PDB file of N, CA and C in Angstrom:
ATOM      1  N   MET A   1     -12.871  22.715  11.370  1.00  0.00           N
ATOM      2  CA  MET A   1     -13.157  21.297  11.408  1.00  0.00           C
ATOM      3  C   MET A   1     -14.286  21.071  12.416  1.00  0.00           C
ATOM      4  N   THR A   2     -15.269  20.282  12.028  1.00  0.00           N
ATOM      5  CA  THR A   2     -16.386  19.996  12.915  1.00  0.00           C
ATOM      6  C   THR A   2     -16.222  18.625  13.527  1.00  0.00           C
ATOM      7  N   GLN A   3     -17.084  18.338  14.505  1.00  0.00           N
ATOM      8  CA  GLN A   3     -17.020  17.030  15.148  1.00  0.00           C
ATOM      9  C   GLN A   3     -17.295  15.926  14.136  1.00  0.00           C
ATOM     10  N   ARG A   4     -18.131  16.182  13.142  1.00  0.00           N
ATOM     11  CA  ARG A   4     -18.423  15.173  12.125  1.00  0.00           C
ATOM     12  C   ARG A   4     -17.179  14.818  11.320  1.00  0.00           C
ATOM     13  N   ASP A   5     -16.229  15.742  11.214  1.00  0.00           N
ATOM     14  CA  ASP A   5     -15.013  15.479  10.461  1.00  0.00           C
ATOM     15  C   ASP A   5     -14.088  14.507  11.175  1.00  0.00           C
ATOM     16  N   VAL A   6     -14.177  14.418  12.485  1.00  0.00           N
ATOM     17  CA  VAL A   6     -13.234  13.580  13.217  1.00  0.00           C
ATOM     18  C   VAL A   6     -13.859  12.330  13.827  1.00  0.00           C
ATOM     19  N   LEU A   7     -15.189  12.232  13.827  1.00  0.00           N
ATOM     20  CA  LEU A   7     -15.845  11.052  14.377  1.00  0.00           C
ATOM     21  C   LEU A   7     -16.739  10.432  13.317  1.00  0.00           C
ATOM     22  N   VAL A   8     -16.605   9.128  13.127  1.00  0.00           N
ATOM     23  CA  VAL A   8     -17.438   8.443  12.142  1.00  0.00           C
ATOM     24  C   VAL A   8     -17.984   7.160  12.748  1.00  0.00           C
ATOM     25  N   PRO A   9     -19.228   6.774  12.379  1.00  0.00           N
ATOM     26  CA  PRO A   9     -19.737   5.489  12.841  1.00  0.00           C
ATOM     27  C   PRO A   9     -18.952   4.372  12.153  1.00  0.00           C
ATOM     28  N   THR A  10     -18.721   3.312  12.856  1.00  0.00           N
ATOM     29  CA  THR A  10     -17.987   2.183  12.314  1.00  0.00           C
ATOM     30  C   THR A  10     -18.918   0.990  12.203  1.00  0.00           C
ATOM     31  N   ASP A  11     -18.991   0.397  11.007  1.00  0.00           N
ATOM     32  CA  ASP A  11     -19.832  -0.788  10.827  1.00  0.00           C
ATOM     33  C   ASP A  11     -19.399  -1.871  11.800  1.00  0.00           C
ATOM     34  N   GLY A  12     -20.371  -2.483  12.449  1.00  0.00           N
ATOM     35  CA  GLY A  12     -20.080  -3.556  13.389  1.00  0.00           C
ATOM     36  C   GLY A  12     -19.603  -3.078  14.747  1.00  0.00           C
ATOM     37  N   ALA A  13     -19.572  -1.766  14.960  1.00  0.00           N
ATOM     38  CA  ALA A  13     -19.137  -1.236  16.258  1.00  0.00           C
ATOM     39  C   ALA A  13     -20.162  -1.616  17.314  1.00  0.00           C
ATOM     40  N   PRO A  14     -19.729  -1.792  18.534  1.00  0.00           N
ATOM     41  CA  PRO A  14     -20.691  -2.098  19.593  1.00  0.00           C
ATOM     42  C   PRO A  14     -21.656  -0.931  19.780  1.00  0.00           C
ATOM     43  N   THR A  15     -22.831  -1.241  20.248  1.00  0.00           N
ATOM     44  CA  THR A  15     -23.811  -0.188  20.516  1.00  0.00           C
ATOM     45  C   THR A  15     -23.980  -0.059  22.017  1.00  0.00           C
ATOM     46  N   THR A  16     -24.560   1.029  22.428  1.00  0.00           N
ATOM     47  CA  THR A  16     -24.799   1.248  23.843  1.00  0.00           C
ATOM     48  C   THR A  16     -26.203   1.791  24.029  1.00  0.00           C
ATOM     49  N   ARG A  17     -26.776   1.530  25.177  1.00  0.00           N
ATOM     50  CA  ARG A  17     -28.109   2.043  25.487  1.00  0.00           C
ATOM     51  C   ARG A  17     -27.981   3.230  26.412  1.00  0.00           C
ATOM     52  N   MET A  18     -28.867   4.181  26.227  1.00  0.00           N
ATOM     53  CA  MET A  18     -28.949   5.324  27.124  1.00  0.00           C
ATOM     54  C   MET A  18     -30.390   5.783  27.117  1.00  0.00           C
ATOM     55  N   ILE A  19     -30.714   6.680  28.014  1.00  0.00           N
ATOM     56  CA  ILE A  19     -32.059   7.235  27.982  1.00  0.00           C
ATOM     57  C   ILE A  19     -31.967   8.698  27.603  1.00  0.00           C
ATOM     58  N   GLN A  20     -33.045   9.186  27.000  1.00  0.00           N
ATOM     59  CA  GLN A  20     -33.087  10.554  26.504  1.00  0.00           C
ATOM     60  C   GLN A  20     -34.360  11.222  26.985  1.00  0.00           C
ATOM     61  N   CYS A  21     -34.229  12.460  27.414  1.00  0.00           N
ATOM     62  CA  CYS A  21     -35.386  13.267  27.783  1.00  0.00           C
ATOM     63  C   CYS A  21     -36.087  13.663  26.489  1.00  0.00           C
ATOM     64  N   THR A  22     -37.381  13.370  26.370  1.00  0.00           N
ATOM     65  CA  THR A  22     -38.097  13.711  25.143  1.00  0.00           C
ATOM     66  C   THR A  22     -38.487  15.181  25.101  1.00  0.00           C
ATOM     67  N   GLU A  23     -38.328  15.878  26.212  1.00  0.00           N
ATOM     68  CA  GLU A  23     -38.696  17.294  26.247  1.00  0.00           C
ATOM     69  C   GLU A  23     -37.541  18.204  25.825  1.00  0.00           C
ATOM     70  N   CYS A  24     -36.297  17.828  26.144  1.00  0.00           N
ATOM     71  CA  CYS A  24     -35.161  18.685  25.777  1.00  0.00           C
ATOM     72  C   CYS A  24     -34.085  17.924  25.002  1.00  0.00           C
ATOM     73  N   GLU A  25     -34.263  16.614  24.818  1.00  0.00           N
ATOM     74  CA  GLU A  25     -33.341  15.745  24.078  1.00  0.00           C
ATOM     75  C   GLU A  25     -31.982  15.561  24.746  1.00  0.00           C
ATOM     76  N   GLU A  26     -31.841  15.939  26.017  1.00  0.00           N
ATOM     77  CA  GLU A  26     -30.599  15.661  26.745  1.00  0.00           C
ATOM     78  C   GLU A  26     -30.523  14.159  26.977  1.00  0.00           C
ATOM     79  N   ARG A  27     -29.314  13.599  26.883  1.00  0.00           N
ATOM     80  CA  ARG A  27     -29.131  12.155  27.055  1.00  0.00           C
ATOM     81  C   ARG A  27     -28.347  11.848  28.318  1.00  0.00           C
ATOM     82  N   SER A  28     -28.641  10.670  28.856  1.00  0.00           N
ATOM     83  CA  SER A  28     -27.914  10.190  30.026  1.00  0.00           C
ATOM     84  C   SER A  28     -26.481   9.873  29.626  1.00  0.00           C
ATOM     85  N   PRO A  29     -25.589   9.773  30.602  1.00  0.00           N
ATOM     86  CA  PRO A  29     -24.243   9.282  30.293  1.00  0.00           C
ATOM     87  C   PRO A  29     -24.350   7.862  29.750  1.00  0.00           C
ATOM     88  N   LEU A  30     -23.305   7.408  29.099  1.00  0.00           N
ATOM     89  CA  LEU A  30     -23.331   6.047  28.565  1.00  0.00           C
ATOM     90  C   LEU A  30     -23.635   5.066  29.673  1.00  0.00           C
ATOM     91  N   GLY A  31     -24.447   4.084  29.390  1.00  0.00           N
ATOM     92  CA  GLY A  31     -24.835   3.133  30.420  1.00  0.00           C
ATOM     93  C   GLY A  31     -25.021   1.779  29.809  1.00  0.00           C
ATOM     94  N   PRO A  32     -25.592   0.820  30.458  1.00  0.00           N
ATOM     95  CA  PRO A  32     -26.102   0.684  31.803  1.00  0.00           C
ATOM     96  C   PRO A  32     -24.998   0.756  32.849  1.00  0.00           C
ATOM     97  N   PRO A  33     -25.194   0.550  34.070  1.00  0.00           N
ATOM     98  CA  PRO A  33     -26.256  -0.186  34.769  1.00  0.00           C
ATOM     99  C   PRO A  33     -27.549   0.622  34.909  1.00  0.00           C
ATOM    100  N   LEU A  34     -28.623  -0.096  35.111  1.00  0.00           N
ATOM    101  CA  LEU A  34     -29.946   0.496  35.221  1.00  0.00           C
ATOM    102  C   LEU A  34     -30.023   1.514  36.358  1.00  0.00           C
ATOM    103  N   ALA A  35     -29.344   1.259  37.464  1.00  0.00           N
ATOM    104  CA  ALA A  35     -29.372   2.196  38.597  1.00  0.00           C
ATOM    105  C   ALA A  35     -28.816   3.560  38.188  1.00  0.00           C
ATOM    106  N   ALA A  36     -27.809   3.571  37.309  1.00  0.00           N
ATOM    107  CA  ALA A  36     -27.242   4.841  36.837  1.00  0.00           C
ATOM    108  C   ALA A  36     -28.262   5.596  35.996  1.00  0.00           C
ATOM    109  N   PHE A  37     -29.033   4.871  35.178  1.00  0.00           N
ATOM    110  CA  PHE A  37     -30.104   5.500  34.394  1.00  0.00           C
ATOM    111  C   PHE A  37     -31.115   6.153  35.317  1.00  0.00           C
ATOM    112  N   ALA A  38     -31.543   5.418  36.321  1.00  0.00           N
ATOM    113  CA  ALA A  38     -32.561   5.918  37.253  1.00  0.00           C
ATOM    114  C   ALA A  38     -32.053   7.153  37.989  1.00  0.00           C
ATOM    115  N   ARG A  39     -30.807   7.110  38.445  1.00  0.00           N
ATOM    116  CA  ARG A  39     -30.214   8.250  39.145  1.00  0.00           C
ATOM    117  C   ARG A  39     -30.182   9.480  38.235  1.00  0.00           C
ATOM    118  N   TRP A  40     -29.767   9.280  36.986  1.00  0.00           N
ATOM    119  CA  TRP A  40     -29.701  10.395  36.049  1.00  0.00           C
ATOM    120  C   TRP A  40     -31.100  10.953  35.773  1.00  0.00           C
ATOM    121  N   ALA A  41     -32.062  10.073  35.508  1.00  0.00           N
ATOM    122  CA  ALA A  41     -33.427  10.513  35.191  1.00  0.00           C
ATOM    123  C   ALA A  41     -34.051  11.264  36.361  1.00  0.00           C
ATOM    124  N   LEU A  42     -33.879  10.747  37.572  1.00  0.00           N
ATOM    125  CA  LEU A  42     -34.443  11.423  38.744  1.00  0.00           C
ATOM    126  C   LEU A  42     -33.781  12.786  38.961  1.00  0.00           C
ATOM    127  N   GLY A  43     -32.479  12.853  38.783  1.00  0.00           N
ATOM    128  CA  GLY A  43     -31.767  14.125  38.927  1.00  0.00           C
ATOM    129  C   GLY A  43     -32.184  15.120  37.855  1.00  0.00           C
ATOM    130  N   HIS A  44     -32.318  14.645  36.623  1.00  0.00           N
ATOM    131  CA  HIS A  44     -32.731  15.517  35.518  1.00  0.00           C
ATOM    132  C   HIS A  44     -34.145  16.035  35.762  1.00  0.00           C
ATOM    133  N   ALA A  45     -35.036  15.145  36.193  1.00  0.00           N
ATOM    134  CA  ALA A  45     -36.423  15.542  36.471  1.00  0.00           C
ATOM    135  C   ALA A  45     -36.473  16.562  37.608  1.00  0.00           C
ATOM    136  N   ASP A  46     -35.644  16.360  38.619  1.00  0.00           N
ATOM    137  CA  ASP A  46     -35.623  17.275  39.762  1.00  0.00           C
ATOM    138  C   ASP A  46     -35.162  18.673  39.345  1.00  0.00           C
ATOM    139  N   VAL A  47     -34.135  18.732  38.499  1.00  0.00           N
ATOM    140  CA  VAL A  47     -33.566  20.013  38.085  1.00  0.00           C
ATOM    141  C   VAL A  47     -34.445  20.725  37.051  1.00  0.00           C
ATOM    142  N   THR A  48     -34.979  19.969  36.080  1.00  0.00           N
ATOM    143  CA  THR A  48     -35.676  20.600  34.955  1.00  0.00           C
ATOM    144  C   THR A  48     -37.195  20.539  35.044  1.00  0.00           C
ATOM    145  N   GLY A  49     -37.714  19.586  35.827  1.00  0.00           N
ATOM    146  CA  GLY A  49     -39.158  19.378  35.849  1.00  0.00           C
ATOM    147  C   GLY A  49     -39.642  18.498  34.711  1.00  0.00           C
ATOM    148  N   HIS A  50     -38.736  18.049  33.860  1.00  0.00           N
ATOM    149  CA  HIS A  50     -39.105  17.180  32.737  1.00  0.00           C
ATOM    150  C   HIS A  50     -39.401  15.774  33.250  1.00  0.00           C
ATOM    151  N   ARG A  51     -40.408  15.134  32.678  1.00  0.00           N
ATOM    152  CA  ARG A  51     -40.820  13.821  33.179  1.00  0.00           C
ATOM    153  C   ARG A  51     -40.961  12.754  32.095  1.00  0.00           C
ATOM    154  N   GLU A  52     -40.650  13.072  30.848  1.00  0.00           N
ATOM    155  CA  GLU A  52     -40.822  12.117  29.750  1.00  0.00           C
ATOM    156  C   GLU A  52     -39.456  11.661  29.243  1.00  0.00           C
ATOM    157  N   PHE A  53     -39.228  10.352  29.247  1.00  0.00           N
ATOM    158  CA  PHE A  53     -37.953   9.790  28.815  1.00  0.00           C
ATOM    159  C   PHE A  53     -38.199   8.630  27.869  1.00  0.00           C
ATOM    160  N   GLN A  54     -37.214   8.342  27.031  1.00  0.00           N
ATOM    161  CA  GLN A  54     -37.273   7.172  26.165  1.00  0.00           C
ATOM    162  C   GLN A  54     -35.900   6.522  26.137  1.00  0.00           C
ATOM    163  N   GLN A  55     -35.874   5.218  25.830  1.00  0.00           N
ATOM    164  CA  GLN A  55     -34.598   4.513  25.709  1.00  0.00           C
ATOM    165  C   GLN A  55     -34.093   4.676  24.285  1.00  0.00           C
ATOM    166  N   VAL A  56     -32.801   4.894  24.134  1.00  0.00           N
ATOM    167  CA  VAL A  56     -32.192   5.056  22.822  1.00  0.00           C
ATOM    168  C   VAL A  56     -31.020   4.088  22.729  1.00  0.00           C
ATOM    169  N   THR A  57     -30.806   3.526  21.554  1.00  0.00           N
ATOM    170  CA  THR A  57     -29.625   2.707  21.311  1.00  0.00           C
ATOM    171  C   THR A  57     -28.780   3.453  20.296  1.00  0.00           C
ATOM    172  N   THR A  58     -27.519   3.624  20.593  1.00  0.00           N
ATOM    173  CA  THR A  58     -26.652   4.397  19.703  1.00  0.00           C
ATOM    174  C   THR A  58     -25.439   3.586  19.296  1.00  0.00           C
ATOM    175  N   GLU A  59     -24.864   3.950  18.149  1.00  0.00           N
ATOM    176  CA  GLU A  59     -23.596   3.367  17.734  1.00  0.00           C
ATOM    177  C   GLU A  59     -22.485   4.170  18.393  1.00  0.00           C
ATOM    178  N   LEU A  60     -21.464   3.489  18.819  1.00  0.00           N
ATOM    179  CA  LEU A  60     -20.299   4.209  19.326  1.00  0.00           C
ATOM    180  C   LEU A  60     -19.557   4.804  18.141  1.00  0.00           C
ATOM    181  N   LEU A  61     -19.047   5.989  18.319  1.00  0.00           N
ATOM    182  CA  LEU A  61     -18.290   6.641  17.258  1.00  0.00           C
ATOM    183  C   LEU A  61     -16.809   6.450  17.525  1.00  0.00           C
ATOM    184  N   HIS A  62     -16.063   6.259  16.475  1.00  0.00           N
ATOM    185  CA  HIS A  62     -14.627   6.056  16.604  1.00  0.00           C
ATOM    186  C   HIS A  62     -13.906   7.214  15.930  1.00  0.00           C
ATOM    187  N   ALA A  63     -12.906   7.737  16.586  1.00  0.00           N
ATOM    188  CA  ALA A  63     -12.170   8.880  16.050  1.00  0.00           C
ATOM    189  C   ALA A  63     -11.360   8.461  14.836  1.00  0.00           C
ATOM    190  N   VAL A  64     -11.312   9.340  13.870  1.00  0.00           N
ATOM    191  CA  VAL A  64     -10.460   9.158  12.707  1.00  0.00           C
ATOM    192  C   VAL A  64      -9.204   9.970  12.976  1.00  0.00           C
ATOM    193  N   LEU A  65      -8.068   9.310  12.972  1.00  0.00           N
ATOM    194  CA  LEU A  65      -6.815  10.007  13.263  1.00  0.00           C
ATOM    195  C   LEU A  65      -6.371  10.826  12.059  1.00  0.00           C
ATOM    196  N   PRO A  66      -5.856  12.013  12.282  1.00  0.00           N
ATOM    197  CA  PRO A  66      -5.381  12.823  11.150  1.00  0.00           C
ATOM    198  C   PRO A  66      -4.165  12.175  10.503  1.00  0.00           C
ATOM    199  N   VAL A  67      -4.005  12.394   9.212  1.00  0.00           N
ATOM    200  CA  VAL A  67      -2.853  11.857   8.485  1.00  0.00           C
ATOM    201  C   VAL A  67      -1.658  12.747   8.790  1.00  0.00           C
ATOM    202  N   VAL A  68      -0.572  12.130   9.231  1.00  0.00           N
ATOM    203  CA  VAL A  68       0.649  12.870   9.555  1.00  0.00           C
ATOM    204  C   VAL A  68       1.650  12.621   8.438  1.00  0.00           C
ATOM    205  N   ALA A  69       2.217  13.686   7.909  1.00  0.00           N
ATOM    206  CA  ALA A  69       3.198  13.560   6.831  1.00  0.00           C
ATOM    207  C   ALA A  69       4.436  12.836   7.336  1.00  0.00           C
ATOM    208  N   ASP A  70       5.026  12.046   6.467  1.00  0.00           N
ATOM    209  CA  ASP A  70       6.251  11.321   6.797  1.00  0.00           C
ATOM    210  C   ASP A  70       7.413  12.315   6.782  1.00  0.00           C
ATOM    211  N   PRO A  71       8.069  12.546   7.936  1.00  0.00           N
ATOM    212  CA  PRO A  71       9.151  13.547   7.983  1.00  0.00           C
ATOM    213  C   PRO A  71      10.351  13.169   7.126  1.00  0.00           C
ATOM    214  N   SER A  72      10.516  11.888   6.787  1.00  0.00           N
ATOM    215  CA  SER A  72      11.660  11.479   5.974  1.00  0.00           C
ATOM    216  C   SER A  72      11.363  11.576   4.477  1.00  0.00           C
ATOM    217  N   ALA A  73      10.130  11.897   4.109  1.00  0.00           N
ATOM    218  CA  ALA A  73       9.774  12.011   2.692  1.00  0.00           C
ATOM    219  C   ALA A  73      10.390  13.282   2.115  1.00  0.00           C
ATOM    220  N   PRO A  74      10.815  13.208   0.852  1.00  0.00           N
ATOM    221  CA  PRO A  74      11.396  14.415   0.232  1.00  0.00           C
ATOM    222  C   PRO A  74      10.332  15.498   0.066  1.00  0.00           C
ATOM    223  N   THR A  75      10.748  16.740   0.196  1.00  0.00           N
ATOM    224  CA  THR A  75       9.824  17.864   0.035  1.00  0.00           C
ATOM    225  C   THR A  75      10.171  18.612  -1.239  1.00  0.00           C
ATOM    226  N   ALA A  76       9.193  19.281  -1.804  1.00  0.00           N
ATOM    227  CA  ALA A  76       9.418  20.052  -3.029  1.00  0.00           C
ATOM    228  C   ALA A  76      10.197  21.320  -2.694  1.00  0.00           C
ATOM    229  N   ALA A  77      11.101  21.705  -3.576  1.00  0.00           N
ATOM    230  CA  ALA A  77      11.882  22.929  -3.375  1.00  0.00           C
ATOM    231  C   ALA A  77      11.001  24.138  -3.660  1.00  0.00           C
ATOM    232  N   PRO A  78      11.131  25.204  -2.862  1.00  0.00           N
ATOM    233  CA  PRO A  78      10.296  26.400  -3.099  1.00  0.00           C
ATOM    234  C   PRO A  78      10.676  27.160  -4.338  1.00  0.00           C
TER     235      PRO A  78
END
């Protein structure tokens, strides 16, 4: 099972803004506040030397719960 199997975008779900490094595509933690973006970008630049960032807006993904069989349902005889 892959992550795509358990997470799906939901129509009308709230969106969130984050920033992304355009050199390695690493993304900041979910945000705002703006100060958290700046802290992440400065730390990322310090560690990697990357200096190009862009703002991204993403849809939040909602987990799809697995279907659980009803234990009281009759079962087929082997």
